[in-house]
Structures are given as C-alpha cells and as structure tokens.
Amino acid sequence: MHRLILLRHGQSVWNAEDRFTGWTDVGLTDRGIAETHKAADLLKAAGIDVDIAFTSVLSRAIETLHLVLRDMDRLWLPVHKHWRLNERHYGALQGLNKAETAERHGAEQVFQWRRSWDVPPPPIEPDDPRSAVADRRYAGLAKANLPRGESLKDTTERVVPFWRDEIAPALRLGARVLVSAHGNSLRGLVKHLDDVADHDIPLFEIPTSRPLVYELGADLTPLRRYFLGEGSTVEEINWPKREGANPGSSAAA
C-alpha cells in the first residue's frame, strides 16, 4: 500500500477577510497557525509518518508545511516547491471581498466564478499590479503561459502533469508523500485520483489544515480515502459511482 497525505494550508489572512486570494501571497493568521499545529498532532496520533513533501510557491502553503514538519521532527526531509501546486488563479477577482463582489455582480454569477467546473473568472491584465508577471517566482515561466484567470478545470489540467511527473514516481518508489497546497489545486488532484464527476468536485470541501489521507494500491488506484479527526477518528469519503467509469483509473496516468 502507498500512502499520500493532502493538506490544505491553515487559515490565511485573506481567508479570514473573505477575499479572493488566488496567486496573491498572503500569510497565515494566528488561527491558521493553530490549525496547522493541530494537523501535525492528528498525523502523529494516527501514527502517520512521511518521507518527502511537495508544496506550492505560495507562503501560506510553505509555512503550513514547515510548521507540520517541525512538529513532527521532520524538518530535514526533502521538500519540493512548484507553481503547478499553486491555488487556482482568480484573475481580476484577486483581493476583492466575496460578499461585496456578489452584491456588485450578482450571487449567481459569483457562484459560477467560484464553484463551476469550467467557468473562469474575469482575466487580470498583465500590467495590473496584482499580476504575477514581474514576480521572481515565475521568472522561468513564459509570460504567455502565466495564468490570467483559471477555472477549476484549468487548475486541474496544470496539477495533473505534476502528479504524473513528480508525485506519482515518489509514491512508486515507496515514499510516504505529504502535499501541502490549496483548496482548488488539491481538489483538482482529488478529481484526478478518484475520477470524480465534473458536477461533484466543485462542491467538495477540503477544510483548512485537516489531513486528507489516501491509501493507494500498487498501481496508485485509491483503495481508501479519509479525513483525520480527533481521537484517531476518521471521516471516510465515498464518491458516487459513475456509470461507465472506473474510479481511480486515471490515478496512475
């Protein structure tokens, strides 16, 4: 059996302010830091160890990972950072308050931008100060390839190659893998692993800093998936069966 742990970062400053964050780099709140310490406690209580970790290039995910590894006495483990694990890019919505945006554009439109599978938000202009064009983190990425706004589908399509090229090979070598990332990049990975229907995945919630554990077979097909809870309890996740689909069949791809 192979083990994969997915961890959404702790509450960020803009989570607390109910703002669209996306690729904007914001830190954790005190609550987010406390959530992250709790995540480490849950992993230790469940007897789960890790050998290698992956994260995005955004501070809230990196800080979450470092706090967890420190609490587990695993700061010495190899850590790999990549933009493909970044949060979904919210385009011109980044920094805006979600409730105020709903008042301006209508709740149904904002719901589509936030929760649909394939509707992207309004694109951000390259000369917008919120754009990532001048960010050193993306210096090696062609400006034409920098996202200006992503749907969940777009996010999934950039996460899957990283799964295939980096995470899956580590699992096949026997490593216990921890991925510290974001609600939407992890949602995209879950969709790929479990072959979740387009209409089911946008409403799947991954709470901040609550470990989601996957137990995978030899071919990396999911055998079991669950959230860790207090007192070594778990919350099992069972997806509805799709007609003509083979759940998990895409995981090894």
C-alpha atoms as a PDB file:
ATOM      1  CA  MET A   1       0.000   0.000   0.000  1.00  0.00           C
ATOM      2  CA  HIS A   2       1.143   3.536  -0.819  1.00  0.00           C
ATOM      3  CA  ARG A   3       0.178   6.490   1.381  1.00  0.00           C
ATOM      4  CA  LEU A   4      -0.488  10.060   0.232  1.00  0.00           C
ATOM      5  CA  ILE A   5      -1.417  12.877   2.617  1.00  0.00           C
ATOM      6  CA  LEU A   6      -3.067  16.006   1.209  1.00  0.00           C
ATOM      7  CA  LEU A   7      -3.094  19.102   3.411  1.00  0.00           C
ATOM      8  CA  ARG A   8      -4.721  22.425   2.636  1.00  0.00           C
ATOM      9  CA  HIS A   9      -2.875  25.330   4.265  1.00  0.00           C
ATOM     10  CA  GLY A  10      -4.143  26.837   7.523  1.00  0.00           C
ATOM     11  CA  GLN A  11      -6.437  29.842   7.519  1.00  0.00           C
ATOM     12  CA  SER A  12      -4.805  32.759   5.716  1.00  0.00           C
ATOM     13  CA  VAL A  13      -5.262  36.484   6.291  1.00  0.00           C
ATOM     14  CA  TRP A  14      -7.472  36.766   3.220  1.00  0.00           C
ATOM     15  CA  ASN A  15      -9.460  33.639   4.167  1.00  0.00           C
ATOM     16  CA  ALA A  16     -10.313  35.475   7.378  1.00  0.00           C
ATOM     17  CA  GLU A  17     -11.233  38.629   5.413  1.00  0.00           C
ATOM     18  CA  ASP A  18     -13.331  36.617   2.915  1.00  0.00           C
ATOM     19  CA  ARG A  19     -11.259  37.783  -0.057  1.00  0.00           C
ATOM     20  CA  PHE A  20     -10.408  36.006  -3.309  1.00  0.00           C
ATOM     21  CA  THR A  21      -6.738  35.098  -2.837  1.00  0.00           C
ATOM     22  CA  GLY A  22      -5.520  33.024  -5.765  1.00  0.00           C
ATOM     23  CA  TRP A  23      -1.838  33.626  -6.511  1.00  0.00           C
ATOM     24  CA  THR A  24      -1.602  36.610  -4.150  1.00  0.00           C
ATOM     25  CA  ASP A  25       0.931  35.778  -1.455  1.00  0.00           C
ATOM     26  CA  VAL A  26      -0.580  36.217   1.996  1.00  0.00           C
ATOM     27  CA  GLY A  27       0.422  34.706   5.327  1.00  0.00           C
ATOM     28  CA  LEU A  28      -1.356  32.613   7.933  1.00  0.00           C
ATOM     29  CA  THR A  29      -3.480  34.041  10.728  1.00  0.00           C
ATOM     30  CA  ASP A  30      -2.943  33.023  14.341  1.00  0.00           C
ATOM     31  CA  ARG A  31      -5.878  30.682  13.888  1.00  0.00           C
ATOM     32  CA  GLY A  32      -4.234  29.242  10.776  1.00  0.00           C
ATOM     33  CA  ILE A  33      -1.029  28.570  12.700  1.00  0.00           C
ATOM     34  CA  ALA A  34      -3.015  26.858  15.459  1.00  0.00           C
ATOM     35  CA  GLU A  35      -4.849  24.743  12.861  1.00  0.00           C
ATOM     36  CA  THR A  36      -1.519  23.684  11.426  1.00  0.00           C
ATOM     37  CA  HIS A  37      -0.172  22.557  14.800  1.00  0.00           C
ATOM     38  CA  LYS A  38      -3.372  20.551  15.223  1.00  0.00           C
ATOM     39  CA  ALA A  39      -2.819  18.905  11.825  1.00  0.00           C
ATOM     40  CA  ALA A  40       0.601  17.713  12.976  1.00  0.00           C
ATOM     41  CA  ASP A  41      -0.957  16.364  16.177  1.00  0.00           C
ATOM     42  CA  LEU A  42      -3.548  14.436  14.155  1.00  0.00           C
ATOM     43  CA  LEU A  43      -0.876  12.896  11.944  1.00  0.00           C
ATOM     44  CA  LYS A  44       1.216  11.874  14.939  1.00  0.00           C
ATOM     45  CA  ALA A  45      -1.801  10.455  16.792  1.00  0.00           C
ATOM     46  CA  ALA A  46      -2.652   8.352  13.724  1.00  0.00           C
ATOM     47  CA  GLY A  47       0.923   7.062  13.529  1.00  0.00           C
ATOM     48  CA  ILE A  48       1.405   8.547  10.060  1.00  0.00           C
ATOM     49  CA  ASP A  49       4.943   9.431   9.016  1.00  0.00           C
ATOM     50  CA  VAL A  50       6.241  10.966   5.787  1.00  0.00           C
ATOM     51  CA  ASP A  51       9.394  10.686   3.670  1.00  0.00           C
ATOM     52  CA  ILE A  52       9.077  13.502   1.146  1.00  0.00           C
ATOM     53  CA  ALA A  53       6.953  16.633   0.769  1.00  0.00           C
ATOM     54  CA  PHE A  54       5.673  18.800  -2.058  1.00  0.00           C
ATOM     55  CA  THR A  55       4.217  22.291  -1.855  1.00  0.00           C
ATOM     56  CA  SER A  56       3.393  25.341  -3.936  1.00  0.00           C
ATOM     57  CA  VAL A  57       5.487  28.500  -4.169  1.00  0.00           C
ATOM     58  CA  LEU A  58       2.998  30.468  -2.053  1.00  0.00           C
ATOM     59  CA  SER A  59       3.957  31.328   1.519  1.00  0.00           C
ATOM     60  CA  ARG A  60       0.798  30.099   3.218  1.00  0.00           C
ATOM     61  CA  ALA A  61       1.306  26.552   1.931  1.00  0.00           C
ATOM     62  CA  ILE A  62       5.057  26.608   2.568  1.00  0.00           C
ATOM     63  CA  GLU A  63       4.612  27.901   6.114  1.00  0.00           C
ATOM     64  CA  THR A  64       1.966  25.265   6.808  1.00  0.00           C
ATOM     65  CA  LEU A  65       4.303  22.538   5.603  1.00  0.00           C
ATOM     66  CA  HIS A  66       7.247  23.778   7.651  1.00  0.00           C
ATOM     67  CA  LEU A  67       5.184  24.006  10.837  1.00  0.00           C
ATOM     68  CA  VAL A  68       3.874  20.470  10.371  1.00  0.00           C
ATOM     69  CA  LEU A  69       7.319  19.057   9.610  1.00  0.00           C
ATOM     70  CA  ARG A  70       8.796  20.874  12.596  1.00  0.00           C
ATOM     71  CA  ASP A  71       6.151  19.490  14.935  1.00  0.00           C
ATOM     72  CA  MET A  72       6.774  16.006  13.525  1.00  0.00           C
ATOM     73  CA  ASP A  73      10.559  16.409  13.889  1.00  0.00           C
ATOM     74  CA  ARG A  74      10.878  16.037  10.117  1.00  0.00           C
ATOM     75  CA  LEU A  75      12.290  19.407   9.020  1.00  0.00           C
ATOM     76  CA  TRP A  76      15.202  17.552   7.452  1.00  0.00           C
ATOM     77  CA  LEU A  77      13.004  15.850   4.848  1.00  0.00           C
ATOM     78  CA  PRO A  78      13.341  16.815   1.169  1.00  0.00           C
ATOM     79  CA  VAL A  79      10.789  19.445   0.119  1.00  0.00           C
ATOM     80  CA  HIS A  80       9.956  20.256  -3.499  1.00  0.00           C
ATOM     81  CA  LYS A  81       8.172  23.505  -4.423  1.00  0.00           C
ATOM     82  CA  HIS A  82       6.390  24.135  -7.724  1.00  0.00           C
ATOM     83  CA  TRP A  83       3.953  26.692  -9.131  1.00  0.00           C
ATOM     84  CA  ARG A  84       1.767  23.899 -10.529  1.00  0.00           C
ATOM     85  CA  LEU A  85       0.558  23.283  -6.957  1.00  0.00           C
ATOM     86  CA  ASN A  86      -0.461  26.956  -6.550  1.00  0.00           C
ATOM     87  CA  GLU A  87      -4.019  27.904  -5.750  1.00  0.00           C
ATOM     88  CA  ARG A  88      -6.401  28.494  -8.625  1.00  0.00           C
ATOM     89  CA  HIS A  89      -5.683  31.900 -10.186  1.00  0.00           C
ATOM     90  CA  TYR A  90      -8.707  34.103  -9.525  1.00  0.00           C
ATOM     91  CA  GLY A  91      -7.804  36.679 -12.169  1.00  0.00           C
ATOM     92  CA  ALA A  92      -9.249  40.150 -11.694  1.00  0.00           C
ATOM     93  CA  LEU A  93     -11.160  38.948  -8.609  1.00  0.00           C
ATOM     94  CA  GLN A  94      -7.974  38.621  -6.553  1.00  0.00           C
ATOM     95  CA  GLY A  95      -8.120  40.801  -3.465  1.00  0.00           C
ATOM     96  CA  LEU A  96     -11.854  41.511  -3.761  1.00  0.00           C
ATOM     97  CA  ASN A  97     -14.244  40.736  -0.921  1.00  0.00           C
ATOM     98  CA  LYS A  98     -16.512  37.845  -1.924  1.00  0.00           C
ATOM     99  CA  ALA A  99     -19.715  39.257  -0.414  1.00  0.00           C
ATOM    100  CA  GLU A 100     -19.153  42.695  -1.939  1.00  0.00           C
ATOM    101  CA  THR A 101     -18.403  41.093  -5.318  1.00  0.00           C
ATOM    102  CA  ALA A 102     -21.686  39.162  -5.098  1.00  0.00           C
ATOM    103  CA  GLU A 103     -23.556  42.404  -4.416  1.00  0.00           C
ATOM    104  CA  ARG A 104     -21.929  44.017  -7.449  1.00  0.00           C
ATOM    105  CA  HIS A 105     -22.221  41.180  -9.973  1.00  0.00           C
ATOM    106  CA  GLY A 106     -24.997  39.030  -8.528  1.00  0.00           C
ATOM    107  CA  ALA A 107     -24.774  35.928  -6.377  1.00  0.00           C
ATOM    108  CA  GLU A 108     -25.382  33.541  -9.297  1.00  0.00           C
ATOM    109  CA  GLN A 109     -22.533  34.992 -11.365  1.00  0.00           C
ATOM    110  CA  VAL A 110     -20.102  34.882  -8.442  1.00  0.00           C
ATOM    111  CA  PHE A 111     -21.203  31.311  -7.679  1.00  0.00           C
ATOM    112  CA  GLN A 112     -20.293  30.392 -11.262  1.00  0.00           C
ATOM    113  CA  TRP A 113     -16.877  32.033 -10.950  1.00  0.00           C
ATOM    114  CA  ARG A 114     -16.223  30.362  -7.600  1.00  0.00           C
ATOM    115  CA  ARG A 115     -17.801  26.930  -7.917  1.00  0.00           C
ATOM    116  CA  SER A 116     -18.332  25.908 -11.529  1.00  0.00           C
ATOM    117  CA  TRP A 117     -16.045  23.350 -13.132  1.00  0.00           C
ATOM    118  CA  ASP A 118     -15.115  25.230 -16.288  1.00  0.00           C
ATOM    119  CA  VAL A 119     -16.112  28.927 -15.953  1.00  0.00           C
ATOM    120  CA  PRO A 120     -13.042  31.125 -15.340  1.00  0.00           C
ATOM    121  CA  PRO A 121     -13.165  34.484 -13.532  1.00  0.00           C
ATOM    122  CA  PRO A 122     -12.599  37.756 -15.406  1.00  0.00           C
ATOM    123  CA  PRO A 123      -8.947  37.784 -16.564  1.00  0.00           C
ATOM    124  CA  ILE A 124      -6.382  40.033 -14.954  1.00  0.00           C
ATOM    125  CA  GLU A 125      -4.457  42.395 -17.243  1.00  0.00           C
ATOM    126  CA  PRO A 126      -0.659  41.864 -17.462  1.00  0.00           C
ATOM    127  CA  ASP A 127       0.002  45.459 -16.323  1.00  0.00           C
ATOM    128  CA  ASP A 128      -2.266  45.114 -13.270  1.00  0.00           C
ATOM    129  CA  PRO A 129      -0.169  45.459 -10.080  1.00  0.00           C
ATOM    130  CA  ARG A 130      -1.812  42.241  -8.852  1.00  0.00           C
ATOM    131  CA  SER A 131      -0.447  40.304 -11.830  1.00  0.00           C
ATOM    132  CA  ALA A 132       2.340  37.737 -11.356  1.00  0.00           C
ATOM    133  CA  VAL A 133       4.208  38.903 -14.475  1.00  0.00           C
ATOM    134  CA  ALA A 134       7.023  40.592 -12.510  1.00  0.00           C
ATOM    135  CA  ASP A 135       7.167  38.009  -9.685  1.00  0.00           C
ATOM    136  CA  ARG A 136      10.589  36.312  -9.498  1.00  0.00           C
ATOM    137  CA  ARG A 137       8.927  33.021  -8.593  1.00  0.00           C
ATOM    138  CA  TYR A 138       7.705  32.730 -12.167  1.00  0.00           C
ATOM    139  CA  ALA A 139      10.790  34.032 -13.957  1.00  0.00           C
ATOM    140  CA  GLY A 140      11.292  30.668 -15.680  1.00  0.00           C
ATOM    141  CA  LEU A 141       7.706  30.540 -16.915  1.00  0.00           C
ATOM    142  CA  ALA A 142       6.966  32.206 -20.243  1.00  0.00           C
ATOM    143  CA  LYS A 143       4.782  35.257 -19.689  1.00  0.00           C
ATOM    144  CA  ALA A 144       2.367  33.967 -22.307  1.00  0.00           C
ATOM    145  CA  ASN A 145       1.845  30.876 -20.132  1.00  0.00           C
ATOM    146  CA  LEU A 146       1.185  32.753 -16.894  1.00  0.00           C
ATOM    147  CA  PRO A 147      -2.479  32.287 -15.945  1.00  0.00           C
ATOM    148  CA  ARG A 148      -4.630  35.403 -16.120  1.00  0.00           C
ATOM    149  CA  GLY A 149      -7.579  33.629 -14.509  1.00  0.00           C
ATOM    150  CA  GLU A 150      -8.367  29.930 -14.111  1.00  0.00           C
ATOM    151  CA  SER A 151     -11.397  27.711 -13.798  1.00  0.00           C
ATOM    152  CA  LEU A 152     -11.139  24.593 -11.653  1.00  0.00           C
ATOM    153  CA  LYS A 153     -10.718  22.664 -14.903  1.00  0.00           C
ATOM    154  CA  ASP A 154      -7.726  24.835 -15.849  1.00  0.00           C
ATOM    155  CA  THR A 155      -6.201  24.316 -12.399  1.00  0.00           C
ATOM    156  CA  THR A 156      -6.651  20.548 -12.622  1.00  0.00           C
ATOM    157  CA  GLU A 157      -5.010  20.470 -16.042  1.00  0.00           C
ATOM    158  CA  ARG A 158      -1.810  22.018 -14.631  1.00  0.00           C
ATOM    159  CA  VAL A 159      -1.809  19.938 -11.425  1.00  0.00           C
ATOM    160  CA  VAL A 160      -2.125  16.554 -13.158  1.00  0.00           C
ATOM    161  CA  PRO A 161       1.244  16.762 -15.018  1.00  0.00           C
ATOM    162  CA  PHE A 162       2.958  17.480 -11.685  1.00  0.00           C
ATOM    163  CA  TRP A 163       1.237  14.456 -10.164  1.00  0.00           C
ATOM    164  CA  ARG A 164       2.332  12.311 -13.091  1.00  0.00           C
ATOM    165  CA  ASP A 165       5.939  13.580 -13.293  1.00  0.00           C
ATOM    166  CA  GLU A 166       6.837  14.164  -9.630  1.00  0.00           C
ATOM    167  CA  ILE A 167       4.411  12.869  -7.006  1.00  0.00           C
ATOM    168  CA  ALA A 168       3.426   9.518  -8.531  1.00  0.00           C
ATOM    169  CA  PRO A 169       7.068   8.454  -9.148  1.00  0.00           C
ATOM    170  CA  ALA A 170       7.927   9.187  -5.496  1.00  0.00           C
ATOM    171  CA  LEU A 171       4.995   7.042  -4.369  1.00  0.00           C
ATOM    172  CA  ARG A 172       6.033   4.201  -6.674  1.00  0.00           C
ATOM    173  CA  LEU A 173       9.479   4.232  -5.067  1.00  0.00           C
ATOM    174  CA  GLY A 174       7.799   3.599  -1.717  1.00  0.00           C
ATOM    175  CA  ALA A 175       7.885   7.126  -0.267  1.00  0.00           C
ATOM    176  CA  ARG A 176       5.131   8.303   2.045  1.00  0.00           C
ATOM    177  CA  VAL A 177       4.182  11.636   0.471  1.00  0.00           C
ATOM    178  CA  LEU A 178       2.804  14.825   2.015  1.00  0.00           C
ATOM    179  CA  VAL A 179       1.418  17.534  -0.280  1.00  0.00           C
ATOM    180  CA  SER A 180       0.783  20.940   1.324  1.00  0.00           C
ATOM    181  CA  ALA A 181      -1.166  23.067  -1.105  1.00  0.00           C
ATOM    182  CA  HIS A 182      -4.504  24.826  -1.614  1.00  0.00           C
ATOM    183  CA  GLY A 183      -8.213  24.132  -1.718  1.00  0.00           C
ATOM    184  CA  ASN A 184      -8.512  24.155  -5.502  1.00  0.00           C
ATOM    185  CA  SER A 185      -5.197  22.579  -6.508  1.00  0.00           C
ATOM    186  CA  LEU A 186      -5.907  19.732  -4.064  1.00  0.00           C
ATOM    187  CA  ARG A 187      -9.498  19.488  -5.290  1.00  0.00           C
ATOM    188  CA  GLY A 188      -8.138  19.073  -8.799  1.00  0.00           C
ATOM    189  CA  LEU A 189      -5.818  16.302  -7.659  1.00  0.00           C
ATOM    190  CA  VAL A 190      -8.686  14.555  -5.850  1.00  0.00           C
ATOM    191  CA  LYS A 191     -10.754  14.727  -9.041  1.00  0.00           C
ATOM    192  CA  HIS A 192      -7.964  13.056 -10.971  1.00  0.00           C
ATOM    193  CA  LEU A 193      -7.265  10.383  -8.369  1.00  0.00           C
ATOM    194  CA  ASP A 194     -10.905   9.372  -7.942  1.00  0.00           C
ATOM    195  CA  ASP A 195     -12.215  10.238 -11.418  1.00  0.00           C
ATOM    196  CA  VAL A 196     -14.857  12.444  -9.790  1.00  0.00           C
ATOM    197  CA  ALA A 197     -17.681  13.757 -11.971  1.00  0.00           C
ATOM    198  CA  ASP A 198     -17.376  17.374 -13.124  1.00  0.00           C
ATOM    199  CA  HIS A 199     -20.553  18.348 -11.275  1.00  0.00           C
ATOM    200  CA  ASP A 200     -19.476  16.712  -7.980  1.00  0.00           C
ATOM    201  CA  ILE A 201     -15.957  18.053  -7.482  1.00  0.00           C
ATOM    202  CA  PRO A 202     -16.612  21.848  -7.234  1.00  0.00           C
ATOM    203  CA  LEU A 203     -18.703  21.379  -4.084  1.00  0.00           C
ATOM    204  CA  PHE A 204     -16.215  19.082  -2.366  1.00  0.00           C
ATOM    205  CA  GLU A 205     -14.778  20.968   0.603  1.00  0.00           C
ATOM    206  CA  ILE A 206     -11.266  20.450   1.931  1.00  0.00           C
ATOM    207  CA  PRO A 207     -11.101  22.155   5.343  1.00  0.00           C
ATOM    208  CA  THR A 208      -8.035  24.207   6.218  1.00  0.00           C
ATOM    209  CA  SER A 209      -5.266  22.120   7.786  1.00  0.00           C
ATOM    210  CA  ARG A 210      -7.264  18.909   8.117  1.00  0.00           C
ATOM    211  CA  PRO A 211      -5.227  15.990   6.734  1.00  0.00           C
ATOM    212  CA  LEU A 212      -6.831  14.032   3.893  1.00  0.00           C
ATOM    213  CA  VAL A 213      -5.208  10.593   3.704  1.00  0.00           C
ATOM    214  CA  TYR A 214      -5.194   8.384   0.615  1.00  0.00           C
ATOM    215  CA  GLU A 215      -4.293   4.708   0.744  1.00  0.00           C
ATOM    216  CA  LEU A 216      -3.315   3.645  -2.766  1.00  0.00           C
ATOM    217  CA  GLY A 217      -2.795   0.282  -4.398  1.00  0.00           C
ATOM    218  CA  ALA A 218       0.286  -0.862  -6.303  1.00  0.00           C
ATOM    219  CA  ASP A 219      -0.993   0.892  -9.449  1.00  0.00           C
ATOM    220  CA  LEU A 220      -1.843   4.017  -7.362  1.00  0.00           C
ATOM    221  CA  THR A 221      -5.558   3.367  -7.604  1.00  0.00           C
ATOM    222  CA  PRO A 222      -7.265   4.715  -4.447  1.00  0.00           C
ATOM    223  CA  LEU A 223      -8.305   1.964  -2.060  1.00  0.00           C
ATOM    224  CA  ARG A 224      -9.487   4.277   0.707  1.00  0.00           C
ATOM    225  CA  ARG A 225      -9.568   7.987   1.458  1.00  0.00           C
ATOM    226  CA  TYR A 226     -10.463   9.743   4.707  1.00  0.00           C
ATOM    227  CA  PHE A 227     -10.047  12.917   6.755  1.00  0.00           C
ATOM    228  CA  LEU A 228      -8.296  12.550  10.108  1.00  0.00           C
ATOM    229  CA  GLY A 229     -10.276  13.614  13.172  1.00  0.00           C
ATOM    230  CA  GLU A 230      -9.884  13.917  16.903  1.00  0.00           C
ATOM    231  CA  GLY A 231      -9.049  10.845  18.961  1.00  0.00           C
ATOM    232  CA  SER A 232      -7.755   8.910  15.931  1.00  0.00           C
ATOM    233  CA  THR A 233     -11.233   9.002  14.359  1.00  0.00           C
ATOM    234  CA  VAL A 234     -11.605   9.235  10.599  1.00  0.00           C
ATOM    235  CA  GLU A 235     -14.228  10.554   8.193  1.00  0.00           C
ATOM    236  CA  GLU A 236     -14.432   8.244   5.206  1.00  0.00           C
ATOM    237  CA  ILE A 237     -15.039   9.671   1.727  1.00  0.00           C
ATOM    238  CA  ASN A 238     -17.028   7.581  -0.730  1.00  0.00           C
ATOM    239  CA  TRP A 239     -17.786   9.074  -4.108  1.00  0.00           C
ATOM    240  CA  PRO A 240     -20.978   8.172  -6.016  1.00  0.00           C
ATOM    241  CA  LYS A 241     -20.274   5.631  -8.725  1.00  0.00           C
ATOM    242  CA  ARG A 242     -20.214   6.989 -12.256  1.00  0.00           C
ATOM    243  CA  GLU A 243     -21.902   4.993 -14.986  1.00  0.00           C
ATOM    244  CA  GLY A 244     -19.265   3.536 -17.300  1.00  0.00           C
ATOM    245  CA  ALA A 245     -16.426   4.970 -15.221  1.00  0.00           C
ATOM    246  CA  ASN A 246     -13.717   3.137 -13.377  1.00  0.00           C
ATOM    247  CA  PRO A 247     -12.989   5.181 -10.218  1.00  0.00           C
ATOM    248  CA  GLY A 248      -9.299   5.801  -9.765  1.00  0.00           C
ATOM    249  CA  SER A 249      -8.434   4.542 -13.244  1.00  0.00           C
ATOM    250  CA  SER A 250      -6.651   7.792 -14.087  1.00  0.00           C
ATOM    251  CA  ALA A 251      -4.518   7.880 -10.965  1.00  0.00           C
ATOM    252  CA  ALA A 252      -1.531   6.062 -12.387  1.00  0.00           C
ATOM    253  CA  ALA A 253      -1.576   8.067 -15.617  1.00  0.00           C
END
